[in-house]
C-alpha atoms as a PDB file:
ATOM      1  CA  MET A   1      28.189   6.753  14.317  1.00  0.00           C
ATOM      2  CA  ASN A   2      28.478   6.224  18.059  1.00  0.00           C
ATOM      3  CA  THR A   3      25.488   5.836  20.345  1.00  0.00           C
ATOM      4  CA  THR A   4      25.808   9.316  21.871  1.00  0.00           C
ATOM      5  CA  THR A   5      25.894  10.944  18.449  1.00  0.00           C
ATOM      6  CA  GLU A   6      22.956   8.832  17.245  1.00  0.00           C
ATOM      7  CA  LEU A   7      20.889   9.769  20.271  1.00  0.00           C
ATOM      8  CA  GLU A   8      21.695  13.451  19.858  1.00  0.00           C
ATOM      9  CA  THR A   9      20.739  13.250  16.178  1.00  0.00           C
ATOM     10  CA  LYS A  10      17.417  11.650  17.153  1.00  0.00           C
ATOM     11  CA  ARG A  11      16.828  14.285  19.819  1.00  0.00           C
ATOM     12  CA  GLN A  12      17.518  17.038  17.306  1.00  0.00           C
ATOM     13  CA  ALA A  13      15.039  15.435  14.912  1.00  0.00           C
ATOM     14  CA  LEU A  14      12.474  15.486  17.732  1.00  0.00           C
ATOM     15  CA  ARG A  15      13.134  19.169  18.431  1.00  0.00           C
ATOM     16  CA  ASP A  16      12.781  19.938  14.722  1.00  0.00           C
ATOM     17  CA  ALA A  17       9.547  17.942  14.514  1.00  0.00           C
ATOM     18  CA  MET A  18       8.154  19.839  17.503  1.00  0.00           C
ATOM     19  CA  LEU A  19       8.911  23.133  15.741  1.00  0.00           C
ATOM     20  CA  VAL A  20       7.067  21.901  12.648  1.00  0.00           C
ATOM     21  CA  LEU A  21       4.158  20.837  14.866  1.00  0.00           C
ATOM     22  CA  GLU A  22       4.010  24.283  16.475  1.00  0.00           C
ATOM     23  CA  ALA A  23       3.999  25.914  13.048  1.00  0.00           C
ATOM     24  CA  ALA A  24       1.249  23.568  11.820  1.00  0.00           C
ATOM     25  CA  GLU A  25      -0.849  24.311  14.902  1.00  0.00           C
ATOM     26  CA  ALA A  26      -0.359  28.047  14.379  1.00  0.00           C
ATOM     27  CA  ALA A  27      -1.298  27.772  10.707  1.00  0.00           C
ATOM     28  CA  GLY A  28      -4.434  25.815  11.576  1.00  0.00           C
ATOM     29  CA  GLU A  29      -3.939  23.549   8.550  1.00  0.00           C
ATOM     30  CA  PRO A  30      -5.353  20.129   9.521  1.00  0.00           C
ATOM     31  CA  GLY A  31      -3.485  18.196   6.820  1.00  0.00           C
ATOM     32  CA  LEU A  32      -0.129  19.631   7.884  1.00  0.00           C
ATOM     33  CA  LEU A  33      -1.014  19.132  11.516  1.00  0.00           C
ATOM     34  CA  SER A  34      -1.800  15.457  10.902  1.00  0.00           C
ATOM     35  CA  GLN A  35       1.573  14.941   9.218  1.00  0.00           C
ATOM     36  CA  ALA A  36       3.382  16.850  11.967  1.00  0.00           C
ATOM     37  CA  LEU A  37       1.749  14.765  14.694  1.00  0.00           C
ATOM     38  CA  ALA A  38       2.823  11.583  12.931  1.00  0.00           C
ATOM     39  CA  GLN A  39       6.390  12.856  12.659  1.00  0.00           C
ATOM     40  CA  VAL A  40       6.528  13.875  16.324  1.00  0.00           C
ATOM     41  CA  SER A  41       5.201  10.442  17.300  1.00  0.00           C
ATOM     42  CA  HIS A  42       7.844   8.781  15.136  1.00  0.00           C
ATOM     43  CA  CYS A  43      10.611  10.895  16.674  1.00  0.00           C
ATOM     44  CA  HIS A  44       9.458  10.098  20.211  1.00  0.00           C
ATOM     45  CA  ARG A  45       9.538   6.421  19.287  1.00  0.00           C
ATOM     46  CA  GLN A  46      13.090   6.793  17.977  1.00  0.00           C
ATOM     47  CA  VAL A  47      14.303   8.221  21.296  1.00  0.00           C
ATOM     48  CA  GLY A  48      12.495   5.489  23.253  1.00  0.00           C
ATOM     49  CA  ALA A  49       9.681   7.660  24.633  1.00  0.00           C
ATOM     50  CA  LEU A  50       6.944   5.174  23.779  1.00  0.00           C
ATOM     51  CA  ALA A  51       4.201   6.660  25.972  1.00  0.00           C
ATOM     52  CA  GLU A  52       4.699  10.068  24.358  1.00  0.00           C
ATOM     53  CA  ALA A  53       4.779   8.464  20.915  1.00  0.00           C
ATOM     54  CA  VAL A  54       1.433   6.814  21.627  1.00  0.00           C
ATOM     55  CA  TRP A  55      -0.060  10.113  22.822  1.00  0.00           C
ATOM     56  CA  PHE A  56       0.907  11.942  19.625  1.00  0.00           C
ATOM     57  CA  ALA A  57      -0.158   9.008  17.419  1.00  0.00           C
ATOM     58  CA  LYS A  58      -3.589   8.923  19.100  1.00  0.00           C
ATOM     59  CA  ARG A  59      -3.945  12.650  18.614  1.00  0.00           C
ATOM     60  CA  GLY A  60      -3.001  12.232  14.957  1.00  0.00           C
ATOM     61  CA  LEU A  61      -5.496   9.389  14.537  1.00  0.00           C
ATOM     62  CA  GLN A  62      -8.252  11.485  16.060  1.00  0.00           C
ATOM     63  CA  LEU A  63      -7.491  14.341  13.674  1.00  0.00           C
ATOM     64  CA  ALA A  64      -7.230  12.029  10.649  1.00  0.00           C
ATOM     65  CA  ARG A  65     -10.573  10.430  11.480  1.00  0.00           C
ATOM     66  CA  GLY A  66     -12.138  13.870  11.787  1.00  0.00           C
ATOM     67  CA  LEU A  67     -10.815  14.741   8.339  1.00  0.00           C
ATOM     68  CA  SER A  68     -11.913  11.379   6.905  1.00  0.00           C
ATOM     69  CA  ALA A  69      -8.291  10.976   5.829  1.00  0.00           C
ATOM     70  CA  VAL A  70      -8.123   7.235   5.233  1.00  0.00           C
ATOM     71  CA  ASP A  71      -4.394   7.037   4.476  1.00  0.00           C
ATOM     72  CA  ALA A  72      -3.432   9.056   7.551  1.00  0.00           C
ATOM     73  CA  SER A  73      -5.845   7.023   9.704  1.00  0.00           C
ATOM     74  CA  VAL A  74      -4.368   3.751   8.472  1.00  0.00           C
ATOM     75  CA  ASP A  75      -0.817   4.946   9.080  1.00  0.00           C
ATOM     76  CA  ALA A  76      -1.724   6.088  12.599  1.00  0.00           C
ATOM     77  CA  LEU A  77      -3.436   2.769  13.344  1.00  0.00           C
ATOM     78  CA  CYS A  78      -0.386   0.846  12.142  1.00  0.00           C
ATOM     79  CA  ASP A  79       1.882   3.083  14.207  1.00  0.00           C
ATOM     80  CA  LEU A  80      -0.282   2.542  17.284  1.00  0.00           C
ATOM     81  CA  ALA A  81      -0.234  -1.213  16.705  1.00  0.00           C
ATOM     82  CA  GLU A  82       3.551  -1.267  16.379  1.00  0.00           C
ATOM     83  CA  LEU A  83       3.915   0.920  19.469  1.00  0.00           C
ATOM     84  CA  GLY A  84       1.629  -1.459  21.352  1.00  0.00           C
ATOM     85  CA  ILE A  85       3.787  -4.404  20.366  1.00  0.00           C
ATOM     86  CA  GLY A  86       6.884  -2.564  21.582  1.00  0.00           C
ATOM     87  CA  ARG A  87       5.281  -1.525  24.830  1.00  0.00           C
ATOM     88  CA  ALA A  88       3.998  -5.087  25.392  1.00  0.00           C
ATOM     89  CA  ALA A  89       7.564  -6.380  25.091  1.00  0.00           C
ATOM     90  CA  VAL A  90       8.685  -3.892  27.743  1.00  0.00           C
ATOM     91  CA  LEU A  91       5.890  -4.995  30.075  1.00  0.00           C
ATOM     92  CA  GLU A  92       6.785  -8.663  29.529  1.00  0.00           C
ATOM     93  CA  GLU A  93      10.353  -7.865  30.594  1.00  0.00           C
ATOM     94  CA  GLN A  94       8.933  -6.184  33.719  1.00  0.00           C
ATOM     95  CA  ASP A  95       6.872  -9.312  34.493  1.00  0.00           C
ATOM     96  CA  GLU A  96       3.544  -7.606  33.745  1.00  0.00           C
ATOM     97  CA  PRO A  97       1.847 -10.243  31.542  1.00  0.00           C
ATOM     98  CA  ARG A  98      -1.707  -8.880  31.908  1.00  0.00           C
ATOM     99  CA  GLY A  99      -0.716  -5.403  30.744  1.00  0.00           C
ATOM    100  CA  ALA A 100       1.297  -6.904  27.907  1.00  0.00           C
ATOM    101  CA  HIS A 101      -1.673  -9.041  26.857  1.00  0.00           C
ATOM    102  CA  ARG A 102      -3.951  -5.983  26.862  1.00  0.00           C
ATOM    103  CA  LEU A 103      -1.502  -4.055  24.662  1.00  0.00           C
ATOM    104  CA  ARG A 104      -1.173  -6.969  22.230  1.00  0.00           C
ATOM    105  CA  ASP A 105      -4.970  -7.223  21.985  1.00  0.00           C
ATOM    106  CA  ALA A 106      -5.187  -3.502  21.238  1.00  0.00           C
ATOM    107  CA  ALA A 107      -2.429  -3.880  18.623  1.00  0.00           C
ATOM    108  CA  ARG A 108      -4.441  -6.647  16.932  1.00  0.00           C
ATOM    109  CA  ASP A 109      -7.547  -4.453  16.943  1.00  0.00           C
ATOM    110  CA  HIS A 110      -5.599  -1.570  15.381  1.00  0.00           C
ATOM    111  CA  GLY A 111      -4.192  -3.931  12.762  1.00  0.00           C
ATOM    112  CA  PHE A 112      -7.614  -5.264  11.796  1.00  0.00           C
ATOM    113  CA  GLU A 113      -9.031  -1.752  11.602  1.00  0.00           C
ATOM    114  CA  ALA A 114      -6.115  -0.620   9.419  1.00  0.00           C
ATOM    115  CA  ALA A 115      -6.669  -3.578   7.078  1.00  0.00           C
ATOM    116  CA  ARG A 116     -10.385  -2.808   6.891  1.00  0.00           C
ATOM    117  CA  LEU A 117      -9.779   0.871   6.143  1.00  0.00           C
ATOM    118  CA  ALA A 118      -7.163   0.018   3.528  1.00  0.00           C
ATOM    119  CA  LEU A 119     -10.006  -1.404   1.434  1.00  0.00           C
ATOM    120  CA  ARG A 120     -11.094   2.207   0.804  1.00  0.00           C
ATOM    121  CA  SER A 121      -7.817   3.093  -0.836  1.00  0.00           C
ATOM    122  CA  ALA A 122      -7.865   4.070  -4.488  1.00  0.00           C
ATOM    123  CA  ASP A 123      -4.267   2.859  -4.799  1.00  0.00           C
ATOM    124  CA  PRO A 124      -4.001  -0.935  -4.763  1.00  0.00           C
ATOM    125  CA  GLN A 125      -0.206  -0.735  -4.363  1.00  0.00           C
ATOM    126  CA  TRP A 126      -0.638   1.224  -1.143  1.00  0.00           C
ATOM    127  CA  GLU A 127      -3.228  -1.285   0.071  1.00  0.00           C
ATOM    128  CA  ILE A 128      -0.727  -4.081  -0.600  1.00  0.00           C
ATOM    129  CA  THR A 129       1.897  -2.237   1.438  1.00  0.00           C
ATOM    130  CA  VAL A 130      -0.537  -1.813   4.323  1.00  0.00           C
ATOM    131  CA  LEU A 131      -1.613  -5.453   4.228  1.00  0.00           C
ATOM    132  CA  LEU A 132       1.993  -6.628   4.321  1.00  0.00           C
ATOM    133  CA  ARG A 133       2.748  -4.245   7.194  1.00  0.00           C
ATOM    134  CA  VAL A 134      -0.234  -5.588   9.148  1.00  0.00           C
ATOM    135  CA  SER A 135       0.778  -9.149   8.261  1.00  0.00           C
ATOM    136  CA  ASP A 136       4.228  -8.522   9.721  1.00  0.00           C
ATOM    137  CA  MET A 137       2.664  -7.144  12.915  1.00  0.00           C
ATOM    138  CA  PHE A 138       0.398 -10.170  13.261  1.00  0.00           C
ATOM    139  CA  ASP A 139       3.367 -12.462  12.711  1.00  0.00           C
ATOM    140  CA  ARG A 140       5.301 -10.699  15.503  1.00  0.00           C
ATOM    141  CA  LEU A 141       2.254 -11.165  17.730  1.00  0.00           C
ATOM    142  CA  GLY A 142       2.236 -14.888  16.968  1.00  0.00           C
ATOM    143  CA  ASP A 143      -1.027 -14.632  15.008  1.00  0.00           C
ATOM    144  CA  HIS A 144       0.316 -16.584  12.070  1.00  0.00           C
ATOM    145  CA  GLU A 145      -3.096 -17.502  10.670  1.00  0.00           C
ATOM    146  CA  ASP A 146      -4.162 -13.854  10.463  1.00  0.00           C
ATOM    147  CA  ALA A 147      -0.745 -12.912   9.079  1.00  0.00           C
ATOM    148  CA  ILE A 148      -1.211 -15.451   6.286  1.00  0.00           C
ATOM    149  CA  ALA A 149      -4.743 -14.158   5.616  1.00  0.00           C
ATOM    150  CA  MET A 150      -3.321 -10.637   5.138  1.00  0.00           C
ATOM    151  CA  GLN A 151      -0.596 -11.982   2.844  1.00  0.00           C
ATOM    152  CA  CYS A 152      -3.216 -13.817   0.785  1.00  0.00           C
ATOM    153  CA  ARG A 153      -5.265 -10.654   0.491  1.00  0.00           C
ATOM    154  CA  ALA A 154      -2.170  -8.777  -0.685  1.00  0.00           C
ATOM    155  CA  LEU A 155      -1.297 -11.553  -3.105  1.00  0.00           C
ATOM    156  CA  GLY A 156      -4.821 -11.400  -4.493  1.00  0.00           C
ATOM    157  CA  LEU A 157      -4.354  -7.716  -5.224  1.00  0.00           C
ATOM    158  CA  ILE A 158      -0.997  -8.373  -6.846  1.00  0.00           C
ATOM    159  CA  THR A 159      -2.336 -11.127  -9.084  1.00  0.00           C
ATOM    160  CA  GLY A 160      -5.708  -9.548  -9.726  1.00  0.00           C
ATOM    161  CA  HIS A 161      -7.531 -12.421  -8.023  1.00  0.00           C
ATOM    162  CA  PRO A 162      -8.804 -10.996  -4.720  1.00  0.00           C
ATOM    163  CA  ALA A 163      -8.823 -13.445  -1.829  1.00  0.00           C
ATOM    164  CA  SER A 164     -12.231 -14.346  -0.516  1.00  0.00           C
ATOM    165  CA  ASP A 165     -13.153 -12.631   2.735  1.00  0.00           C
ATOM    166  CA  ALA A 166     -14.609 -15.975   3.756  1.00  0.00           C
ATOM    167  CA  ALA A 167     -11.017 -17.193   4.155  1.00  0.00           C
ATOM    168  CA  SER A 168     -10.602 -14.671   6.968  1.00  0.00           C
ATOM    169  CA  PRO A 169     -13.776 -14.153   8.981  1.00  0.00           C
ATOM    170  CA  GLN A 170     -12.078 -11.705  11.349  1.00  0.00           C
ATOM    171  CA  VAL A 171     -11.053  -9.413   8.514  1.00  0.00           C
ATOM    172  CA  ALA A 172     -14.537  -9.552   7.038  1.00  0.00           C
ATOM    173  CA  ALA A 173     -16.034  -8.720  10.420  1.00  0.00           C
ATOM    174  CA  ALA A 174     -13.456  -6.021  11.220  1.00  0.00           C
END
């Protein structure tokens, strides 16, 4: 598929997601609205509109928190962290190191919060997936020690021998 066709496909996905969002808003169903906001954020990210993606992800996080929807909150936090990493890279290319540093710090905070909230999950497999996602984010940020701590926590869930929170004071404090 050529680049023009790919971009048009992504734009069409964004238009479709916006229609779903409008329908969810009209229906007043918070669960559907949360999912629609996440999809619109994802589509904006796919077309390179990172600021818009962040706006919709933040709106989705706010709604998920209001619903006490742990899974949706964790997904939104991970999305915001990944968007922050992407936006930090753009700022680095534009020779804006302070802005990039601020975005990376916020991404770390989102990652730690997502890992903390994942503890509330009733599904250990999902928690493992979240921990590995956060570990990957920390690795991309150069936080290898925290990335390893997340991997150890995931490994503990896999093996049935949970890692001690003492091994990762930041996660315990998060």
